[in-house]
PDB file of N, CA and C in Angstrom:
ATOM      1  N   MET A   1      11.508   5.009  -4.558  1.00  0.00           N
ATOM      2  CA  MET A   1      12.182   5.618  -5.770  1.00  0.00           C
ATOM      3  C   MET A   1      11.933   5.270  -6.927  1.00  0.00           C
ATOM      4  N   SER A   2      11.527   6.219  -7.449  1.00  0.00           N
ATOM      5  CA  SER A   2      10.745   6.576  -9.102  1.00  0.00           C
ATOM      6  C   SER A   2      10.807   5.236 -10.315  1.00  0.00           C
ATOM      7  N   GLU A   3      10.024   4.825 -10.825  1.00  0.00           N
ATOM      8  CA  GLU A   3      10.151   3.831 -11.397  1.00  0.00           C
ATOM      9  C   GLU A   3      11.228   4.008 -13.607  1.00  0.00           C
ATOM     10  N   ALA A   4      11.390   2.883 -13.978  1.00  0.00           N
ATOM     11  CA  ALA A   4      11.957   3.529 -14.821  1.00  0.00           C
ATOM     12  C   ALA A   4      10.592   4.217 -15.425  1.00  0.00           C
ATOM     13  N   ARG A   5      11.076   5.181 -16.692  1.00  0.00           N
ATOM     14  CA  ARG A   5      10.215   5.554 -17.523  1.00  0.00           C
ATOM     15  C   ARG A   5      10.589   4.773 -19.065  1.00  0.00           C
ATOM     16  N   TYR A   6      12.194   5.293 -19.193  1.00  0.00           N
ATOM     17  CA  TYR A   6      13.158   4.647 -20.610  1.00  0.00           C
ATOM     18  C   TYR A   6      13.887   3.644 -20.315  1.00  0.00           C
ATOM     19  N   VAL A   7      14.052   2.856 -21.277  1.00  0.00           N
ATOM     20  CA  VAL A   7      15.587   1.652 -20.688  1.00  0.00           C
ATOM     21  C   VAL A   7      15.462   1.990 -22.557  1.00  0.00           C
ATOM     22  N   VAL A   8      16.900   2.132 -21.804  1.00  0.00           N
ATOM     23  CA  VAL A   8      17.707   2.699 -23.420  1.00  0.00           C
ATOM     24  C   VAL A   8      19.303   1.707 -23.320  1.00  0.00           C
ATOM     25  N   ASP A   9      19.194   1.195 -24.811  1.00  0.00           N
ATOM     26  CA  ASP A   9      20.521   0.465 -25.011  1.00  0.00           C
ATOM     27  C   ASP A   9      21.994   1.339 -25.036  1.00  0.00           C
ATOM     28  N   VAL A  10      22.915   0.272 -24.738  1.00  0.00           N
ATOM     29  CA  VAL A  10      24.360   1.312 -23.872  1.00  0.00           C
ATOM     30  C   VAL A  10      25.106   0.939 -25.743  1.00  0.00           C
ATOM     31  N   LYS A  11      25.666   1.829 -26.108  1.00  0.00           N
ATOM     32  CA  LYS A  11      26.539   1.162 -27.622  1.00  0.00           C
ATOM     33  C   LYS A  11      27.574   2.024 -27.400  1.00  0.00           C
ATOM     34  N   ARG A  12      28.910   0.747 -28.421  1.00  0.00           N
ATOM     35  CA  ARG A  12      29.677   1.233 -28.475  1.00  0.00           C
ATOM     36  C   ARG A  12      30.306   2.071 -29.426  1.00  0.00           C
ATOM     37  N   VAL A  13      30.855   3.131 -28.985  1.00  0.00           N
ATOM     38  CA  VAL A  13      31.966   3.270 -30.719  1.00  0.00           C
ATOM     39  C   VAL A  13      33.028   3.710 -30.896  1.00  0.00           C
ATOM     40  N   GLU A  14      33.809   3.433 -32.104  1.00  0.00           N
ATOM     41  CA  GLU A  14      34.448   3.622 -32.162  1.00  0.00           C
ATOM     42  C   GLU A  14      35.933   4.385 -31.782  1.00  0.00           C
ATOM     43  N   LYS A  15      35.432   5.501 -31.855  1.00  0.00           N
ATOM     44  CA  LYS A  15      36.833   6.416 -31.101  1.00  0.00           C
ATOM     45  C   LYS A  15      36.146   7.502 -29.481  1.00  0.00           C
ATOM     46  N   ALA A  16      36.847   7.748 -29.136  1.00  0.00           N
ATOM     47  CA  ALA A  16      36.726   8.351 -27.510  1.00  0.00           C
ATOM     48  C   ALA A  16      35.753   9.453 -27.827  1.00  0.00           C
ATOM     49  N   LEU A  17      34.645   9.291 -26.576  1.00  0.00           N
ATOM     50  CA  LEU A  17      34.569  10.590 -26.892  1.00  0.00           C
ATOM     51  C   LEU A  17      34.664  11.687 -26.268  1.00  0.00           C
ATOM     52  N   LYS A  18      34.033  13.123 -25.871  1.00  0.00           N
ATOM     53  CA  LYS A  18      35.028  14.472 -24.944  1.00  0.00           C
ATOM     54  C   LYS A  18      34.200  14.765 -24.445  1.00  0.00           C
ATOM     55  N   ILE A  19      34.760  14.360 -22.766  1.00  0.00           N
ATOM     56  CA  ILE A  19      32.778  14.676 -21.542  1.00  0.00           C
ATOM     57  C   ILE A  19      33.438  15.802 -21.171  1.00  0.00           C
ATOM     58  N   PRO A  20      33.065  16.334 -20.510  1.00  0.00           N
ATOM     59  CA  PRO A  20      33.253  17.696 -19.839  1.00  0.00           C
ATOM     60  C   PRO A  20      34.338  17.453 -18.737  1.00  0.00           C
ATOM     61  N   GLN A  21      34.756  18.248 -19.151  1.00  0.00           N
ATOM     62  CA  GLN A  21      35.763  18.269 -17.068  1.00  0.00           C
ATOM     63  C   GLN A  21      35.201  18.025 -15.951  1.00  0.00           C
ATOM     64  N   GLU A  22      33.728  18.815 -15.574  1.00  0.00           N
ATOM     65  CA  GLU A  22      33.387  18.533 -14.789  1.00  0.00           C
ATOM     66  C   GLU A  22      32.100  17.268 -14.663  1.00  0.00           C
ATOM     67  N   VAL A  23      31.911  16.628 -15.656  1.00  0.00           N
ATOM     68  CA  VAL A  23      31.728  15.481 -15.078  1.00  0.00           C
ATOM     69  C   VAL A  23      32.207  14.552 -15.144  1.00  0.00           C
ATOM     70  N   LEU A  24      33.649  14.312 -15.936  1.00  0.00           N
ATOM     71  CA  LEU A  24      34.922  13.644 -14.896  1.00  0.00           C
ATOM     72  C   LEU A  24      35.509  13.954 -13.518  1.00  0.00           C
ATOM     73  N   ASP A  25      35.320  14.998 -13.191  1.00  0.00           N
ATOM     74  CA  ASP A  25      35.278  15.259 -11.693  1.00  0.00           C
ATOM     75  C   ASP A  25      35.041  14.324 -10.619  1.00  0.00           C
ATOM     76  N   GLU A  26      33.581  14.687 -10.914  1.00  0.00           N
ATOM     77  CA  GLU A  26      32.238  14.215 -10.495  1.00  0.00           C
ATOM     78  C   GLU A  26      32.491  12.753 -10.202  1.00  0.00           C
ATOM     79  N   ILE A  27      32.864  12.328 -11.016  1.00  0.00           N
ATOM     80  CA  ILE A  27      32.686   9.957 -11.492  1.00  0.00           C
ATOM     81  C   ILE A  27      34.047  10.055 -10.780  1.00  0.00           C
ATOM     82  N   LYS A  28      35.314  10.939 -10.622  1.00  0.00           N
ATOM     83  CA  LYS A  28      36.876  10.079 -10.197  1.00  0.00           C
ATOM     84  C   LYS A  28      36.770   9.129  -9.792  1.00  0.00           C
ATOM     85  N   GLY A  29      35.916   9.923  -7.985  1.00  0.00           N
ATOM     86  CA  GLY A  29      36.220   8.799  -6.675  1.00  0.00           C
ATOM     87  C   GLY A  29      35.102   7.825  -7.349  1.00  0.00           C
ATOM     88  N   ALA A  30      34.237   7.975  -8.005  1.00  0.00           N
ATOM     89  CA  ALA A  30      33.751   6.753  -7.532  1.00  0.00           C
ATOM     90  C   ALA A  30      33.150   5.687  -8.555  1.00  0.00           C
ATOM     91  N   VAL A  31      34.528   5.473  -9.776  1.00  0.00           N
ATOM     92  CA  VAL A  31      34.976   4.798 -10.872  1.00  0.00           C
ATOM     93  C   VAL A  31      36.136   5.571 -10.882  1.00  0.00           C
ATOM     94  N   GLY A  32      36.506   4.155 -11.225  1.00  0.00           N
ATOM     95  CA  GLY A  32      38.289   3.382 -11.753  1.00  0.00           C
ATOM     96  C   GLY A  32      38.921   4.386 -12.645  1.00  0.00           C
ATOM     97  N   SER A  33      39.954   4.626 -12.870  1.00  0.00           N
ATOM     98  CA  SER A  33      40.406   4.848 -14.321  1.00  0.00           C
ATOM     99  C   SER A  33      40.451   4.517 -15.332  1.00  0.00           C
ATOM    100  N   LYS A  34      40.609   3.229 -15.321  1.00  0.00           N
ATOM    101  CA  LYS A  34      40.697   2.137 -16.612  1.00  0.00           C
ATOM    102  C   LYS A  34      38.829   1.947 -16.862  1.00  0.00           C
ATOM    103  N   MET A  35      37.676   2.223 -15.601  1.00  0.00           N
ATOM    104  CA  MET A  35      36.398   2.145 -16.343  1.00  0.00           C
ATOM    105  C   MET A  35      36.233   3.217 -16.937  1.00  0.00           C
ATOM    106  N   ILE A  36      36.355   4.544 -16.328  1.00  0.00           N
ATOM    107  CA  ILE A  36      36.350   5.443 -17.302  1.00  0.00           C
ATOM    108  C   ILE A  36      36.640   5.647 -18.195  1.00  0.00           C
ATOM    109  N   SER A  37      38.252   5.414 -19.011  1.00  0.00           N
ATOM    110  CA  SER A  37      38.633   5.203 -20.237  1.00  0.00           C
ATOM    111  C   SER A  37      37.779   4.197 -20.946  1.00  0.00           C
ATOM    112  N   SER A  38      37.120   3.224 -20.864  1.00  0.00           N
ATOM    113  CA  SER A  38      36.425   2.286 -21.195  1.00  0.00           C
ATOM    114  C   SER A  38      34.534   3.013 -21.398  1.00  0.00           C
ATOM    115  N   MET A  39      34.640   3.693 -19.968  1.00  0.00           N
ATOM    116  CA  MET A  39      33.223   4.295 -20.429  1.00  0.00           C
ATOM    117  C   MET A  39      32.959   5.308 -21.757  1.00  0.00           C
ATOM    118  N   ARG A  40      34.308   6.142 -22.232  1.00  0.00           N
ATOM    119  CA  ARG A  40      34.397   7.410 -22.781  1.00  0.00           C
ATOM    120  C   ARG A  40      34.105   6.203 -24.151  1.00  0.00           C
ATOM    121  N   ARG A  41      34.304   5.457 -24.404  1.00  0.00           N
ATOM    122  CA  ARG A  41      33.594   5.092 -25.887  1.00  0.00           C
ATOM    123  C   ARG A  41      32.103   3.942 -26.350  1.00  0.00           C
ATOM    124  N   GLU A  42      31.233   4.885 -24.895  1.00  0.00           N
ATOM    125  CA  GLU A  42      30.277   4.626 -24.542  1.00  0.00           C
ATOM    126  C   GLU A  42      29.049   5.121 -25.070  1.00  0.00           C
ATOM    127  N   VAL A  43      28.263   5.150 -25.947  1.00  0.00           N
ATOM    128  CA  VAL A  43      27.104   6.013 -25.802  1.00  0.00           C
ATOM    129  C   VAL A  43      25.338   6.005 -25.860  1.00  0.00           C
ATOM    130  N   VAL A  44      24.740   6.908 -25.394  1.00  0.00           N
ATOM    131  CA  VAL A  44      23.175   6.161 -25.173  1.00  0.00           C
ATOM    132  C   VAL A  44      22.462   7.067 -25.824  1.00  0.00           C
ATOM    133  N   SER A  45      21.871   6.861 -26.561  1.00  0.00           N
ATOM    134  CA  SER A  45      20.676   7.352 -27.317  1.00  0.00           C
ATOM    135  C   SER A  45      19.656   8.143 -26.245  1.00  0.00           C
ATOM    136  N   CYS A  46      19.409   9.702 -25.709  1.00  0.00           N
ATOM    137  CA  CYS A  46      19.243   9.941 -24.642  1.00  0.00           C
ATOM    138  C   CYS A  46      17.431  10.303 -25.018  1.00  0.00           C
ATOM    139  N   PRO A  47      16.255   9.610 -24.061  1.00  0.00           N
ATOM    140  CA  PRO A  47      15.410  10.369 -24.713  1.00  0.00           C
ATOM    141  C   PRO A  47      14.865  11.409 -24.601  1.00  0.00           C
ATOM    142  N   ILE A  48      16.293  12.033 -23.014  1.00  0.00           N
ATOM    143  CA  ILE A  48      15.052  13.692 -22.946  1.00  0.00           C
ATOM    144  C   ILE A  48      15.822  14.313 -23.918  1.00  0.00           C
ATOM    145  N   ARG A  49      17.013  14.567 -24.278  1.00  0.00           N
ATOM    146  CA  ARG A  49      17.811  15.849 -25.287  1.00  0.00           C
ATOM    147  C   ARG A  49      17.583  15.707 -26.584  1.00  0.00           C
ATOM    148  N   GLY A  50      16.943  13.918 -27.035  1.00  0.00           N
ATOM    149  CA  GLY A  50      16.582  13.277 -28.295  1.00  0.00           C
ATOM    150  C   GLY A  50      18.223  13.764 -29.045  1.00  0.00           C
ATOM    151  N   GLU A  51      18.861  12.755 -28.736  1.00  0.00           N
ATOM    152  CA  GLU A  51      20.816  12.867 -29.670  1.00  0.00           C
ATOM    153  C   GLU A  51      21.637  11.802 -28.601  1.00  0.00           C
ATOM    154  N   GLU A  52      22.718  11.823 -29.610  1.00  0.00           N
ATOM    155  CA  GLU A  52      23.343  10.741 -29.097  1.00  0.00           C
ATOM    156  C   GLU A  52      24.505  11.277 -27.467  1.00  0.00           C
ATOM    157  N   THR A  53      24.476  10.554 -26.608  1.00  0.00           N
ATOM    158  CA  THR A  53      24.780  11.288 -25.100  1.00  0.00           C
ATOM    159  C   THR A  53      25.669  10.469 -24.846  1.00  0.00           C
ATOM    160  N   PRO A  54      27.144  10.857 -24.547  1.00  0.00           N
ATOM    161  CA  PRO A  54      28.324  10.216 -23.863  1.00  0.00           C
ATOM    162  C   PRO A  54      27.395   9.318 -22.467  1.00  0.00           C
ATOM    163  N   PHE A  55      28.475   8.268 -22.206  1.00  0.00           N
ATOM    164  CA  PHE A  55      27.339   7.593 -20.859  1.00  0.00           C
ATOM    165  C   PHE A  55      27.731   8.149 -20.374  1.00  0.00           C
ATOM    166  N   LEU A  56      28.935   8.155 -19.699  1.00  0.00           N
ATOM    167  CA  LEU A  56      29.770   9.493 -18.649  1.00  0.00           C
ATOM    168  C   LEU A  56      28.703  10.222 -18.592  1.00  0.00           C
ATOM    169  N   VAL A  57      28.701  10.988 -19.403  1.00  0.00           N
ATOM    170  CA  VAL A  57      27.716  11.843 -18.973  1.00  0.00           C
ATOM    171  C   VAL A  57      25.859  11.921 -18.488  1.00  0.00           C
ATOM    172  N   CYS A  58      25.045  10.602 -19.350  1.00  0.00           N
ATOM    173  CA  CYS A  58      24.202  10.201 -19.563  1.00  0.00           C
ATOM    174  C   CYS A  58      24.445   9.410 -17.405  1.00  0.00           C
ATOM    175  N   PHE A  59      25.870   8.665 -16.628  1.00  0.00           N
ATOM    176  CA  PHE A  59      25.572   8.494 -15.525  1.00  0.00           C
ATOM    177  C   PHE A  59      25.502   9.295 -14.704  1.00  0.00           C
ATOM    178  N   SER A  60      25.974  11.017 -14.946  1.00  0.00           N
ATOM    179  CA  SER A  60      26.416  11.959 -14.100  1.00  0.00           C
ATOM    180  C   SER A  60      24.888  12.196 -13.649  1.00  0.00           C
ATOM    181  N   CYS A  61      23.736  11.983 -14.519  1.00  0.00           N
ATOM    182  CA  CYS A  61      22.322  13.246 -14.687  1.00  0.00           C
ATOM    183  C   CYS A  61      21.363  12.368 -13.869  1.00  0.00           C
ATOM    184  N   SER A  62      21.205  13.450 -13.685  1.00  0.00           N
ATOM    185  CA  SER A  62      20.155  12.773 -12.144  1.00  0.00           C
ATOM    186  C   SER A  62      18.751  12.300 -12.660  1.00  0.00           C
ATOM    187  N   ASN A  63      18.104  11.776 -14.006  1.00  0.00           N
ATOM    188  CA  ASN A  63      17.054  11.136 -13.483  1.00  0.00           C
ATOM    189  C   ASN A  63      18.421   9.685 -14.103  1.00  0.00           C
ATOM    190  N   PHE A  64      19.240   9.137 -14.304  1.00  0.00           N
ATOM    191  CA  PHE A  64      19.969   8.004 -14.265  1.00  0.00           C
ATOM    192  C   PHE A  64      19.577   7.222 -12.879  1.00  0.00           C
ATOM    193  N   ILE A  65      19.396   6.056 -12.483  1.00  0.00           N
ATOM    194  CA  ILE A  65      18.688   4.825 -12.050  1.00  0.00           C
ATOM    195  C   ILE A  65      19.868   3.664 -11.716  1.00  0.00           C
ATOM    196  N   ARG A  66      20.240   3.225 -12.799  1.00  0.00           N
ATOM    197  CA  ARG A  66      20.919   1.695 -12.986  1.00  0.00           C
ATOM    198  C   ARG A  66      21.331   1.290 -14.360  1.00  0.00           C
ATOM    199  N   ARG A  67      22.481   0.741 -14.589  1.00  0.00           N
ATOM    200  CA  ARG A  67      23.141   0.687 -16.025  1.00  0.00           C
ATOM    201  C   ARG A  67      22.736  -1.408 -15.011  1.00  0.00           C
ATOM    202  N   VAL A  68      22.708  -2.027 -16.259  1.00  0.00           N
ATOM    203  CA  VAL A  68      21.718  -4.022 -16.364  1.00  0.00           C
ATOM    204  C   VAL A  68      21.847  -4.541 -17.279  1.00  0.00           C
ATOM    205  N   SER A  69      22.494  -5.327 -17.821  1.00  0.00           N
ATOM    206  CA  SER A  69      23.204  -5.102 -19.070  1.00  0.00           C
ATOM    207  C   SER A  69      22.885  -4.943 -20.040  1.00  0.00           C
ATOM    208  N   GLY A  70      23.692  -3.771 -20.231  1.00  0.00           N
ATOM    209  CA  GLY A  70      24.136  -3.203 -21.785  1.00  0.00           C
ATOM    210  C   GLY A  70      23.171  -2.527 -21.404  1.00  0.00           C
ATOM    211  N   LYS A  71      21.692  -2.235 -20.458  1.00  0.00           N
ATOM    212  CA  LYS A  71      20.930  -1.112 -20.229  1.00  0.00           C
ATOM    213  C   LYS A  71      21.016  -0.063 -19.191  1.00  0.00           C
ATOM    214  N   VAL A  72      20.068   1.125 -19.920  1.00  0.00           N
ATOM    215  CA  VAL A  72      20.788   2.104 -18.801  1.00  0.00           C
ATOM    216  C   VAL A  72      18.660   2.017 -18.729  1.00  0.00           C
ATOM    217  N   TYR A  73      18.542   2.600 -17.354  1.00  0.00           N
ATOM    218  CA  TYR A  73      17.155   2.837 -17.252  1.00  0.00           C
ATOM    219  C   TYR A  73      17.334   3.866 -16.301  1.00  0.00           C
ATOM    220  N   CYS A  74      16.407   5.367 -17.435  1.00  0.00           N
ATOM    221  CA  CYS A  74      16.154   6.268 -16.963  1.00  0.00           C
ATOM    222  C   CYS A  74      15.253   6.864 -16.578  1.00  0.00           C
ATOM    223  N   ARG A  75      14.704   8.510 -15.396  1.00  0.00           N
ATOM    224  CA  ARG A  75      13.787   8.462 -14.967  1.00  0.00           C
ATOM    225  C   ARG A  75      12.890   9.215 -15.843  1.00  0.00           C
ATOM    226  N   GLY A  76      13.427  10.138 -17.203  1.00  0.00           N
ATOM    227  CA  GLY A  76      12.268  10.487 -17.656  1.00  0.00           C
ATOM    228  C   GLY A  76      12.067  11.517 -17.424  1.00  0.00           C
ATOM    229  N   LEU A  77      12.728  12.329 -16.496  1.00  0.00           N
ATOM    230  CA  LEU A  77      11.804  13.941 -15.723  1.00  0.00           C
ATOM    231  C   LEU A  77      12.435  14.203 -17.151  1.00  0.00           C
ATOM    232  N   PRO A  78      12.100  15.793 -16.746  1.00  0.00           N
ATOM    233  CA  PRO A  78      12.774  17.098 -17.544  1.00  0.00           C
ATOM    234  C   PRO A  78      13.540  17.595 -16.970  1.00  0.00           C
ATOM    235  N   LEU A  79      14.879  17.948 -17.407  1.00  0.00           N
ATOM    236  CA  LEU A  79      15.801  18.441 -16.600  1.00  0.00           C
ATOM    237  C   LEU A  79      16.061  19.896 -16.942  1.00  0.00           C
ATOM    238  N   GLY A  80      16.468  20.258 -16.144  1.00  0.00           N
ATOM    239  CA  GLY A  80      17.000  22.034 -15.138  1.00  0.00           C
ATOM    240  C   GLY A  80      16.037  22.419 -15.006  1.00  0.00           C
TER     241      GLY A  80
END
């Protein structure tokens, strides 16, 4: 397993964010609906994309390693 290059804080926002349907379909089997609705209000400052990204998009990314205590561990490899 590769080590994390970045450790990024998870932040809460007031309004739930729009998540692409393919991401939701991918996550539905692994995470319950209450947890998904809670995670829709969380964002991370993505070091790869250089912008605020919804946590559920980050969770489905190939660079995602784990989330522990409000921090996301990211491999930091180029996407695509």
